[in-house]
N, C-alpha and C. Protein backbone atom coordinates (compact mmCIF):
# COMPACT_ATOMS: atom_id res chain seq x y z
N MET A 1 100.33 116.25 146.90
CA MET A 1 100.05 116.78 146.09
C MET A 1 99.92 118.46 145.17
N PRO A 2 100.32 119.31 144.91
CA PRO A 2 99.13 120.73 145.68
C PRO A 2 98.03 120.40 143.68
N ALA A 3 96.94 121.15 144.15
CA ALA A 3 96.06 121.55 143.60
C ALA A 3 96.52 121.17 141.87
N GLY A 4 97.55 122.93 141.45
CA GLY A 4 97.58 122.92 140.62
C GLY A 4 97.86 121.39 139.46
N ARG A 5 99.29 120.59 140.03
CA ARG A 5 99.54 119.30 139.97
C ARG A 5 98.04 118.84 139.50
N GLN A 6 97.57 118.48 140.31
CA GLN A 6 96.41 118.15 140.13
C GLN A 6 95.60 117.85 138.58
N GLN A 7 94.85 119.22 138.63
CA GLN A 7 94.27 119.32 137.95
C GLN A 7 95.43 118.80 136.55
N ALA A 8 96.31 119.69 136.38
CA ALA A 8 97.50 119.57 134.82
C ALA A 8 97.43 118.43 135.04
N LEU A 9 97.87 116.79 135.85
CA LEU A 9 97.64 115.61 135.54
C LEU A 9 96.07 115.03 134.95
N LYS A 10 94.36 115.50 135.44
CA LYS A 10 93.46 115.97 134.16
C LYS A 10 93.36 115.46 133.00
N VAL A 11 94.10 117.02 133.06
CA VAL A 11 93.85 117.65 131.51
C VAL A 11 94.72 116.77 131.20
N PHE A 12 96.38 116.26 131.81
CA PHE A 12 96.22 115.28 130.41
C PHE A 12 96.28 114.56 130.41
N GLY A 13 95.65 113.98 130.79
CA GLY A 13 94.57 112.18 131.38
C GLY A 13 93.37 112.57 130.05
N LEU A 14 93.35 112.94 129.72
CA LEU A 14 92.02 113.79 128.86
C LEU A 14 92.14 114.16 127.97
N CYS A 15 93.31 115.03 127.21
CA CYS A 15 94.00 114.79 126.39
C CYS A 15 95.05 114.09 125.72
N ALA A 16 94.85 112.70 126.30
CA ALA A 16 95.72 111.64 125.88
C ALA A 16 94.47 110.58 125.56
N ALA A 17 92.95 110.87 126.13
CA ALA A 17 92.23 109.98 125.65
C ALA A 17 91.65 110.55 125.14
N LEU A 18 91.38 111.43 124.22
CA LEU A 18 91.00 112.41 123.53
C LEU A 18 91.83 111.49 122.14
N LEU A 19 93.61 112.04 122.04
CA LEU A 19 94.27 111.36 121.11
C LEU A 19 93.81 109.54 121.06
N ALA A 20 93.68 109.05 121.92
CA ALA A 20 93.51 107.82 121.95
C ALA A 20 92.64 107.24 121.06
N LEU A 21 91.33 108.40 120.99
CA LEU A 21 90.00 108.11 120.18
C LEU A 21 90.57 108.56 118.56
N LEU A 22 90.90 109.31 118.99
CA LEU A 22 91.62 110.17 117.41
C LEU A 22 91.99 108.92 116.52
N VAL A 23 93.27 108.09 117.00
CA VAL A 23 93.40 107.20 116.05
C VAL A 23 93.14 106.13 116.57
N LEU A 24 91.48 105.33 116.89
CA LEU A 24 91.11 104.45 117.33
C LEU A 24 90.04 105.06 115.53
N ALA A 25 89.66 105.45 115.91
CA ALA A 25 88.21 106.14 115.22
C ALA A 25 89.43 106.53 113.44
N SER A 26 90.15 107.06 113.37
CA SER A 26 91.77 107.30 111.99
C SER A 26 91.47 105.73 111.41
N ALA A 27 91.96 105.11 112.36
CA ALA A 27 92.05 103.36 112.32
C ALA A 27 90.15 102.41 111.92
N MET A 28 89.90 103.19 112.83
CA MET A 28 88.61 101.90 111.90
C MET A 28 87.81 102.52 110.73
N MET A 29 88.06 104.23 110.25
CA MET A 29 87.83 105.26 109.18
C MET A 29 88.35 104.52 108.00
N MET A 30 90.25 104.04 107.74
CA MET A 30 91.05 103.47 106.41
C MET A 30 89.95 102.79 105.85
N PRO A 31 89.81 101.41 105.45
CA PRO A 31 89.03 101.13 105.04
C PRO A 31 87.78 101.30 104.15
N LEU A 32 87.07 102.64 104.71
CA LEU A 32 85.90 103.57 104.33
C LEU A 32 86.67 104.37 103.04
N LEU A 33 88.12 104.77 103.72
CA LEU A 33 88.77 106.28 102.86
C LEU A 33 88.96 105.39 101.92
N SER A 34 89.83 104.26 101.88
CA SER A 34 90.28 103.77 100.63
C SER A 34 89.70 103.30 99.25
N SER A 35 88.00 102.65 99.97
CA SER A 35 87.52 102.21 99.36
C SER A 35 86.65 103.30 98.45
N PHE A 36 86.96 104.57 98.80
CA PHE A 36 85.97 105.83 98.57
C PHE A 36 86.94 106.38 97.35
N ILE A 37 88.44 106.28 97.85
CA ILE A 37 90.05 106.43 96.31
C ILE A 37 89.66 105.87 95.54
N GLU A 38 89.74 104.46 95.38
CA GLU A 38 89.61 103.80 94.67
C GLU A 38 89.12 103.41 93.97
N GLN A 39 87.38 104.11 94.64
CA GLN A 39 85.98 104.39 94.07
C GLN A 39 85.93 105.21 92.33
N HIS A 40 86.22 106.96 93.29
CA HIS A 40 86.63 107.83 92.94
C HIS A 40 87.87 108.49 91.71
N PHE A 41 88.53 107.79 92.21
CA PHE A 41 89.47 108.24 91.48
C PHE A 41 90.13 107.15 90.11
N SER A 42 90.16 106.17 90.30
CA SER A 42 91.02 105.51 89.78
C SER A 42 89.79 105.10 87.93
N PRO A 43 88.93 105.60 87.67
CA PRO A 43 88.23 106.16 86.67
C PRO A 43 88.38 107.40 85.71
N GLY A 44 88.85 106.97 84.87
CA GLY A 44 88.58 108.49 84.10
C GLY A 44 89.51 108.56 83.49
N LEU A 45 90.59 109.81 84.08
CA LEU A 45 91.93 110.28 83.22
C LEU A 45 93.86 110.04 83.85
N GLY A 46 93.13 110.03 85.06
CA GLY A 46 94.20 108.93 85.42
C GLY A 46 95.36 110.19 85.76
N LEU A 47 95.93 110.04 86.93
CA LEU A 47 97.49 111.03 87.79
C LEU A 47 98.57 111.24 86.36
N ARG A 48 98.44 110.16 86.08
CA ARG A 48 99.70 110.00 85.44
C ARG A 48 98.85 111.39 83.43
N ASP A 49 98.24 111.59 83.20
CA ASP A 49 97.89 112.08 82.66
C ASP A 49 97.39 113.23 82.76
N ALA A 50 97.05 113.55 84.40
CA ALA A 50 96.28 115.27 84.89
C ALA A 50 97.86 115.62 85.30
N ALA A 51 98.88 115.27 85.85
CA ALA A 51 100.04 115.27 86.05
C ALA A 51 100.27 116.73 84.93
N VAL A 52 100.62 115.55 83.48
CA VAL A 52 100.46 116.88 82.23
C VAL A 52 100.28 118.07 81.87
N ILE A 53 98.56 117.54 82.04
CA ILE A 53 97.84 118.89 82.25
C ILE A 53 98.11 119.80 83.38
N ALA A 54 98.43 119.26 84.11
CA ALA A 54 98.48 120.33 85.62
C ALA A 54 99.52 120.93 85.29
N PHE A 55 100.64 120.45 84.88
CA PHE A 55 101.82 121.34 84.66
C PHE A 55 101.70 122.17 83.83
N PHE A 56 101.38 122.49 82.03
CA PHE A 56 100.90 123.02 81.52
C PHE A 56 100.02 124.51 81.76
N VAL A 57 98.97 124.15 82.71
CA VAL A 57 97.91 124.88 83.33
C VAL A 57 98.31 125.50 84.38
N THR A 58 99.59 125.35 85.07
CA THR A 58 100.24 125.94 86.15
C THR A 58 100.99 126.49 85.46
N VAL A 59 101.63 126.34 84.94
CA VAL A 59 103.00 127.01 84.44
C VAL A 59 102.06 128.35 83.53
N ILE A 60 101.14 127.77 82.64
CA ILE A 60 100.35 129.12 82.11
C ILE A 60 99.80 129.81 83.06
N THR A 61 98.94 129.75 84.16
CA THR A 61 98.59 130.87 85.41
C THR A 61 99.21 132.00 86.14
N LEU A 62 100.62 131.05 86.30
CA LEU A 62 101.70 131.63 86.84
C LEU A 62 102.14 132.72 85.48
N VAL A 63 102.18 132.27 84.10
CA VAL A 63 103.24 133.27 83.68
C VAL A 63 102.49 134.65 83.49
N VAL A 64 100.56 134.46 83.61
CA VAL A 64 99.86 135.43 83.79
C VAL A 64 99.29 136.66 84.50
N PHE A 65 99.81 135.71 85.26
CA PHE A 65 99.66 136.21 87.35
C PHE A 65 101.36 137.02 87.58
N ALA A 66 102.75 136.81 86.77
CA ALA A 66 103.62 137.24 86.72
C ALA A 66 103.60 139.12 86.38
N PHE A 67 102.75 138.48 84.91
CA PHE A 67 102.88 140.17 84.02
C PHE A 67 102.34 141.05 84.16
N ALA A 68 100.73 140.19 85.23
CA ALA A 68 99.34 141.04 86.29
C ALA A 68 100.89 142.29 86.91
N ALA A 69 101.47 140.79 87.55
CA ALA A 69 101.74 141.92 89.45
C ALA A 69 102.82 143.08 88.24
N GLY A 70 103.70 143.24 87.55
CA GLY A 70 104.11 144.02 86.62
C GLY A 70 105.60 143.77 87.14
N ASP A 71 106.35 142.33 88.01
CA ASP A 71 107.31 142.33 87.94
C ASP A 71 108.27 141.52 86.50
N GLY A 72 107.51 141.23 85.82
CA GLY A 72 107.56 140.07 85.17
C GLY A 72 108.13 138.51 85.81
N LEU A 73 108.65 138.06 85.62
CA LEU A 73 109.10 136.93 85.21
C LEU A 73 109.86 136.24 86.69
N LEU A 74 110.70 136.91 86.15
CA LEU A 74 112.13 136.96 87.78
C LEU A 74 111.67 138.11 88.47
N GLY A 75 111.13 138.55 89.31
CA GLY A 75 110.41 139.59 90.30
C GLY A 75 110.86 139.11 91.12
N GLU A 76 109.92 138.42 91.70
CA GLU A 76 108.83 137.11 93.33
C GLU A 76 109.43 135.97 93.05
N LEU A 77 110.90 135.45 92.48
CA LEU A 77 111.38 134.38 91.89
C LEU A 77 111.09 132.79 93.23
N GLN A 78 111.07 133.55 94.27
CA GLN A 78 110.59 132.64 95.50
C GLN A 78 109.65 132.79 95.33
N TYR A 79 108.29 133.61 95.23
CA TYR A 79 107.46 133.15 96.18
C TYR A 79 105.70 132.47 94.38
N ILE A 80 106.97 132.63 93.08
CA ILE A 80 106.09 132.09 91.59
C ILE A 80 106.90 130.60 92.55
N LEU A 81 108.34 130.75 92.16
CA LEU A 81 108.17 128.90 92.73
C LEU A 81 107.18 127.95 94.13
N GLY A 82 107.54 128.30 94.76
CA GLY A 82 106.19 128.17 96.25
C GLY A 82 104.69 128.58 95.84
N GLY A 83 104.41 129.11 94.91
CA GLY A 83 102.85 128.98 94.35
C GLY A 83 102.62 128.10 92.85
N PHE A 84 103.81 127.62 92.28
CA PHE A 84 103.63 126.92 91.20
C PHE A 84 103.85 125.46 91.95
N PHE A 85 104.73 125.28 92.72
CA PHE A 85 104.21 123.38 93.84
C PHE A 85 102.93 122.74 94.07
N SER A 86 101.96 124.19 95.19
CA SER A 86 100.66 124.28 95.37
C SER A 86 99.44 124.34 93.84
N PHE A 87 100.12 125.47 93.49
CA PHE A 87 98.71 125.15 92.46
C PHE A 87 98.92 124.23 91.40
N PHE A 88 100.53 122.98 91.52
CA PHE A 88 99.74 121.84 90.52
C PHE A 88 99.59 120.81 91.23
N LEU A 89 99.92 121.22 92.46
CA LEU A 89 99.89 119.93 93.42
C LEU A 89 97.89 119.70 93.48
N VAL A 90 97.04 121.25 93.68
CA VAL A 90 96.13 121.47 93.36
C VAL A 90 95.55 120.97 92.21
N PHE A 91 95.87 121.22 91.48
CA PHE A 91 96.14 120.95 89.81
C PHE A 91 95.77 119.61 89.28
N TRP A 92 96.41 119.19 89.98
CA TRP A 92 97.31 117.69 89.03
C TRP A 92 96.01 116.47 89.87
N LEU A 93 95.31 117.04 91.35
CA LEU A 93 94.65 116.28 92.06
C LEU A 93 93.10 116.51 91.80
N MET A 94 92.69 118.10 91.98
CA MET A 94 91.33 117.83 90.94
C MET A 94 91.10 117.94 89.51
N ILE A 95 91.86 117.95 88.81
CA ILE A 95 92.20 117.52 86.96
C ILE A 95 90.88 115.89 87.13
N ALA A 96 92.59 115.08 88.34
CA ALA A 96 92.27 113.87 88.01
C ALA A 96 91.26 113.07 88.58
N TRP A 97 90.64 114.37 89.74
CA TRP A 97 89.08 113.61 90.57
C TRP A 97 87.71 114.00 89.29
N ILE A 98 87.61 115.08 88.99
CA ILE A 98 86.93 115.63 88.73
C ILE A 98 86.42 114.63 86.79
N PHE A 99 88.01 114.70 86.31
CA PHE A 99 88.02 113.65 84.28
C PHE A 99 88.33 112.46 84.82
C-alpha cells in the first residue's frame, strides 16, 4: 500500500473519530440544552406576541433603510426581502428571549 494512501486513511480515521465524539457530545448536551431553553424562553412575552412585535419593528426598520439608501421601497426588492426575513428572525427570538 502506498504511503500517501496510508496517510489518507489515517486522516480519514481521525476525522471519523472526531465526528463520532462530536455526535456523542451533542447527544449528551441535549437534556441540558432543552432545560436551558425551557427555563429561559417560557416565561415572559412568548413567541406568538414577540412575532407580532418583531414583524412591525422589522417593517419599520427596512422602510427607513430603503428610504435612506435612496432607492425608495422598490429599488432593491430582492435584498430587502432577504433582509426582512433575517431581521425578523433575529428580532423575534431576541424579543421573546429578553422580555
